[in-house]
Amino acid sequence: MARRSSPFTAARARRPSTGLATGQTLCLSDMHDASVIERLAQRLSRLHRASVDVPTATSPFERFYGFEQRAIEGGRPWPQAMTRAAEFVRRLEEELQHTTPRPCHLDLHARNIILPPAQDPVFIDWVNGGLSDPVSDVATIIAFLGLRDGQRDHFLASYQKSMGEALDIARLELLMPIRPFVAAASSLVNTPLDVSQSQLEQELARAELPGHELYSIPHSARPEWPRWKWGLIALKMGLSHLP
């Protein structure tokens, strides 16, 4: 099935007749190339500066609450750490100051970023897109691409230069866990009833590759794990970014 293309005219790239973007899905090794980091930051800033008439997106907070409610209604097992995540999500939404909404993607992990040769990255799968907090996009990219230290600093500097304005770093730090927590909730909401909470807790305690590495593996090469295990990996990713 082809990924859904952008509803934002200013953010849409040319596509071949198949409807698919040309190029390869972004690999984490690509982020060792300073020029790729710069192109990604500039591409994101152009989206956030675009003047387009699009609907307001469902916020990551609302999405988390929706999955949480479905899990409760379905009697699904819920790891204790998800309670901690829910408490953080609610407290942050209450305390976070509102910001001017801008066109956003809201799901920018590696598999939703196509890197054509020597061209700007192309964002695909816009199902969550709409007007929202642009810092959420920045936080999602940093979390799901595992940008640290020099890579993160270079990405943020390139983004701010392209935007022509400073980024609220304190806000960014607070938003870092939110998209991983949404990914965790969306996967755990359908955990089979025969999977016990103790089983989830034991699996959560196991050592795995960092979540950004596992969530960057192409679908065709991903381990055939149940969705709830992927949810636990996303949960651990979010917990690692808690302030």
Protein backbone atom coordinates (compact mmCIF):
# COMPACT_ATOMS: atom_id res chain seq x y z
CA MET A 1 0.00 0.00 0.00
CA ALA A 2 1.39 3.42 -0.92
CA ARG A 3 1.97 5.87 1.89
CA ARG A 4 -0.37 8.82 2.08
CA SER A 5 1.10 11.91 0.48
CA SER A 6 1.12 15.40 1.95
CA PRO A 7 -2.05 17.51 2.08
CA PHE A 8 0.13 20.61 2.22
CA THR A 9 0.69 22.12 -1.21
CA ALA A 10 3.82 23.98 -0.12
CA ALA A 11 5.24 20.87 1.50
CA ARG A 12 4.62 18.42 -1.36
CA ALA A 13 7.47 17.06 -3.48
CA ARG A 14 7.20 15.86 -7.08
CA ARG A 15 6.39 12.17 -7.31
CA PRO A 16 6.63 9.66 -10.17
CA SER A 17 3.44 8.24 -11.62
CA THR A 18 3.44 5.43 -9.03
CA GLY A 19 2.70 7.99 -6.31
CA LEU A 20 5.79 6.94 -4.34
CA ALA A 21 8.72 9.19 -3.53
CA THR A 22 12.01 8.25 -5.18
CA GLY A 23 15.05 7.56 -3.04
CA GLN A 24 15.75 5.47 0.04
CA THR A 25 14.27 5.55 3.49
CA LEU A 26 16.50 7.54 5.81
CA CYS A 27 19.09 5.41 7.63
CA LEU A 28 20.61 6.39 10.96
CA SER A 29 24.05 6.27 9.33
CA ASP A 30 22.89 9.11 7.04
CA MET A 31 22.86 11.34 10.10
CA HIS A 32 26.65 11.17 10.27
CA ASP A 33 26.66 13.33 7.13
CA ALA A 34 26.48 17.00 8.12
CA SER A 35 24.89 17.93 4.79
CA VAL A 36 22.03 15.46 5.38
CA ILE A 37 21.41 16.95 8.82
CA GLU A 38 21.31 20.43 7.31
CA ARG A 39 18.95 19.41 4.50
CA LEU A 40 16.62 17.71 6.97
CA ALA A 41 16.57 20.75 9.26
CA GLN A 42 15.95 23.12 6.35
CA ARG A 43 13.19 20.89 4.97
CA LEU A 44 11.45 20.86 8.34
CA SER A 45 11.74 24.62 8.73
CA ARG A 46 10.17 25.18 5.31
CA LEU A 47 7.21 23.07 6.38
CA HIS A 48 6.84 25.07 9.59
CA ARG A 49 7.08 28.38 7.70
CA ALA A 50 4.60 27.34 5.00
CA SER A 51 1.50 29.48 4.51
CA VAL A 52 -1.14 26.86 3.83
CA ASP A 53 -4.76 26.45 4.86
CA VAL A 54 -4.94 23.09 6.65
CA PRO A 55 -7.04 21.79 9.55
CA THR A 56 -5.86 21.69 13.13
CA ALA A 57 -4.26 18.34 13.88
CA THR A 58 -5.26 16.03 16.70
CA SER A 59 -2.62 16.78 19.30
CA PRO A 60 -0.24 14.07 20.55
CA PHE A 61 -1.84 14.54 23.97
CA GLU A 62 -5.32 13.79 22.62
CA ARG A 63 -4.03 10.78 20.74
CA PHE A 64 -2.42 9.39 23.89
CA TYR A 65 -5.64 9.82 25.86
CA GLY A 66 -7.64 8.10 23.15
CA PHE A 67 -5.42 5.02 23.15
CA GLU A 68 -5.37 5.00 26.94
CA GLN A 69 -9.17 5.06 27.11
CA ARG A 70 -9.46 2.21 24.61
CA ALA A 71 -7.05 0.14 26.67
CA ILE A 72 -9.07 0.76 29.82
CA GLU A 73 -12.38 -0.06 28.14
CA GLY A 74 -10.90 -3.23 26.66
CA GLY A 75 -9.40 -4.37 29.96
CA ARG A 76 -5.94 -4.54 28.40
CA PRO A 77 -2.88 -5.13 30.57
CA TRP A 78 -1.01 -1.87 31.11
CA PRO A 79 2.60 -1.77 32.35
CA GLN A 80 3.18 0.25 35.49
CA ALA A 81 5.54 2.51 33.56
CA MET A 82 2.62 3.55 31.34
CA THR A 83 0.96 5.00 34.42
CA ARG A 84 4.09 7.09 34.94
CA ALA A 85 3.97 8.11 31.29
CA ALA A 86 0.29 9.10 31.55
CA GLU A 87 0.98 11.21 34.62
CA PHE A 88 3.75 13.06 32.76
CA VAL A 89 1.58 13.59 29.67
CA ARG A 90 -1.28 15.07 31.73
CA ARG A 91 0.97 17.28 33.84
CA LEU A 92 2.80 18.58 30.78
CA GLU A 93 -0.39 19.42 28.90
CA GLU A 94 -1.64 21.36 31.91
CA GLU A 95 1.60 23.29 32.39
CA LEU A 96 2.72 23.82 28.79
CA GLN A 97 2.08 27.30 27.45
CA HIS A 98 0.17 27.51 24.18
CA THR A 99 2.13 28.39 21.05
CA THR A 100 1.17 29.57 17.58
CA PRO A 101 0.21 26.46 15.56
CA ARG A 102 2.01 25.86 12.29
CA PRO A 103 1.84 23.17 9.59
CA CYS A 104 3.31 20.02 11.10
CA HIS A 105 3.81 16.36 10.18
CA LEU A 106 3.76 14.91 13.74
CA ASP A 107 5.13 11.46 12.84
CA LEU A 108 8.67 12.03 11.58
CA HIS A 109 10.48 8.80 12.33
CA ALA A 110 13.05 7.40 9.88
CA ARG A 111 10.59 5.32 7.84
CA ASN A 112 8.56 8.43 7.05
CA ILE A 113 11.55 10.30 5.63
CA ILE A 114 12.77 9.53 2.09
CA LEU A 115 16.26 10.71 1.17
CA PRO A 116 16.64 11.21 -2.61
CA PRO A 117 20.23 11.43 -3.88
CA ALA A 118 21.61 14.95 -3.32
CA GLN A 119 18.12 16.40 -2.89
CA ASP A 120 15.92 17.57 -0.05
CA PRO A 121 14.34 14.88 2.13
CA VAL A 122 10.72 14.02 1.35
CA PHE A 123 8.23 13.50 4.17
CA ILE A 124 5.60 10.80 3.61
CA ASP A 125 2.59 9.37 5.48
CA TRP A 126 0.78 12.56 6.49
CA VAL A 127 -2.14 10.92 8.30
CA ASN A 128 -1.37 12.81 11.54
CA GLY A 129 -0.46 16.12 9.91
CA GLY A 130 -2.09 19.51 10.40
CA LEU A 131 -1.68 22.72 12.38
CA SER A 132 0.09 22.00 15.64
CA ASP A 133 3.07 22.88 17.83
CA PRO A 134 6.15 22.85 15.55
CA VAL A 135 8.42 21.97 18.48
CA SER A 136 6.64 18.59 18.58
CA ASP A 137 8.05 17.82 15.12
CA VAL A 138 11.55 18.80 16.20
CA ALA A 139 11.29 16.68 19.36
CA THR A 140 9.99 13.69 17.39
CA ILE A 141 12.88 13.78 14.92
CA ILE A 142 15.48 14.05 17.69
CA ALA A 143 13.92 11.21 19.70
CA PHE A 144 13.26 8.76 16.85
CA LEU A 145 16.56 9.42 15.05
CA GLY A 146 18.51 9.28 18.29
CA LEU A 147 20.25 12.60 17.66
CA ARG A 148 22.75 13.26 20.43
CA ASP A 149 25.52 15.71 21.19
CA GLY A 150 27.09 17.09 18.01
CA GLN A 151 24.40 15.72 15.68
CA ARG A 152 21.63 17.22 17.79
CA ASP A 153 23.44 20.56 18.14
CA HIS A 154 24.06 20.75 14.39
CA PHE A 155 20.44 19.88 13.58
CA LEU A 156 19.08 22.48 16.01
CA ALA A 157 21.49 25.17 14.82
CA SER A 158 20.58 24.49 11.17
CA TYR A 159 16.86 24.50 11.95
CA GLN A 160 17.00 27.76 13.90
CA LYS A 161 19.09 29.43 11.20
CA SER A 162 16.61 28.38 8.53
CA MET A 163 13.63 29.45 10.65
CA GLY A 164 15.23 32.80 11.42
CA GLU A 165 14.21 32.53 15.05
CA ALA A 166 15.36 30.89 18.25
CA LEU A 167 13.87 27.60 19.39
CA ASP A 168 12.50 27.20 22.91
CA ILE A 169 14.95 24.53 24.10
CA ALA A 170 13.20 24.09 27.46
CA ARG A 171 9.94 23.34 25.64
CA LEU A 172 11.78 20.93 23.34
CA GLU A 173 13.21 18.99 26.28
CA LEU A 174 9.77 18.61 27.83
CA LEU A 175 8.19 17.37 24.59
CA MET A 176 10.86 14.76 23.83
CA PRO A 177 9.04 11.83 25.53
CA ILE A 178 5.56 12.58 24.17
CA ARG A 179 5.67 11.03 20.68
CA PRO A 180 7.35 7.82 21.96
CA PHE A 181 4.63 7.55 24.61
CA VAL A 182 1.96 7.90 21.91
CA ALA A 183 3.67 5.16 19.89
CA ALA A 184 3.74 2.98 23.01
CA ALA A 185 0.06 3.51 23.74
CA SER A 186 -0.97 2.86 20.13
CA SER A 187 0.81 -0.51 20.19
CA LEU A 188 -0.20 -1.59 23.70
CA VAL A 189 -3.88 -0.80 23.21
CA ASN A 190 -4.41 -4.14 21.45
CA THR A 191 -2.30 -6.32 23.74
CA PRO A 192 -3.94 -9.77 23.86
CA LEU A 193 -5.80 -10.44 27.09
CA ASP A 194 -3.80 -13.62 27.65
CA VAL A 195 -0.62 -11.54 28.03
CA SER A 196 -0.26 -10.79 31.74
CA GLN A 197 0.98 -7.57 33.27
CA SER A 198 3.85 -9.48 34.87
CA GLN A 199 4.86 -10.72 31.41
CA LEU A 200 4.89 -7.15 30.16
CA GLU A 201 6.98 -6.03 33.15
CA GLN A 202 9.50 -8.82 32.58
CA GLU A 203 9.78 -7.99 28.89
CA LEU A 204 10.14 -4.29 29.67
CA ALA A 205 13.11 -5.07 31.91
CA ARG A 206 14.99 -6.91 29.16
CA ALA A 207 17.91 -5.21 27.47
CA GLU A 208 17.22 -4.24 23.86
CA LEU A 209 18.77 -2.02 21.27
CA PRO A 210 17.85 1.64 21.77
CA GLY A 211 14.36 2.34 20.54
CA HIS A 212 15.47 4.76 17.86
CA GLU A 213 17.55 1.99 16.26
CA LEU A 214 14.72 -0.53 16.27
CA TYR A 215 12.12 1.96 15.02
CA SER A 216 14.42 2.89 12.13
CA ILE A 217 14.58 -0.64 10.70
CA PRO A 218 12.65 -0.91 7.39
CA HIS A 219 9.38 -2.84 7.68
CA SER A 220 10.72 -5.63 5.48
CA ALA A 221 13.65 -6.24 7.85
CA ARG A 222 11.94 -5.74 11.22
CA PRO A 223 11.76 -8.63 13.68
CA GLU A 224 8.35 -10.31 13.64
CA TRP A 225 7.50 -9.29 17.17
CA PRO A 226 3.96 -8.74 18.48
CA ARG A 227 2.83 -5.14 18.51
CA TRP A 228 2.85 -4.99 22.30
CA LYS A 229 6.62 -5.65 22.31
CA TRP A 230 7.15 -2.73 19.95
CA GLY A 231 5.01 -0.70 22.33
CA LEU A 232 7.32 -1.56 25.23
CA ILE A 233 10.33 -0.48 23.18
CA ALA A 234 8.68 2.88 22.44
CA LEU A 235 7.77 3.20 26.11
CA LYS A 236 11.41 2.70 27.11
CA MET A 237 12.43 5.29 24.55
CA GLY A 238 10.04 7.81 26.04
CA LEU A 239 11.15 7.06 29.59
CA SER A 240 14.77 7.69 28.57
CA HIS A 241 13.82 11.26 27.63
CA LEU A 242 11.92 12.15 30.80
CA PRO A 243 13.41 15.24 32.45
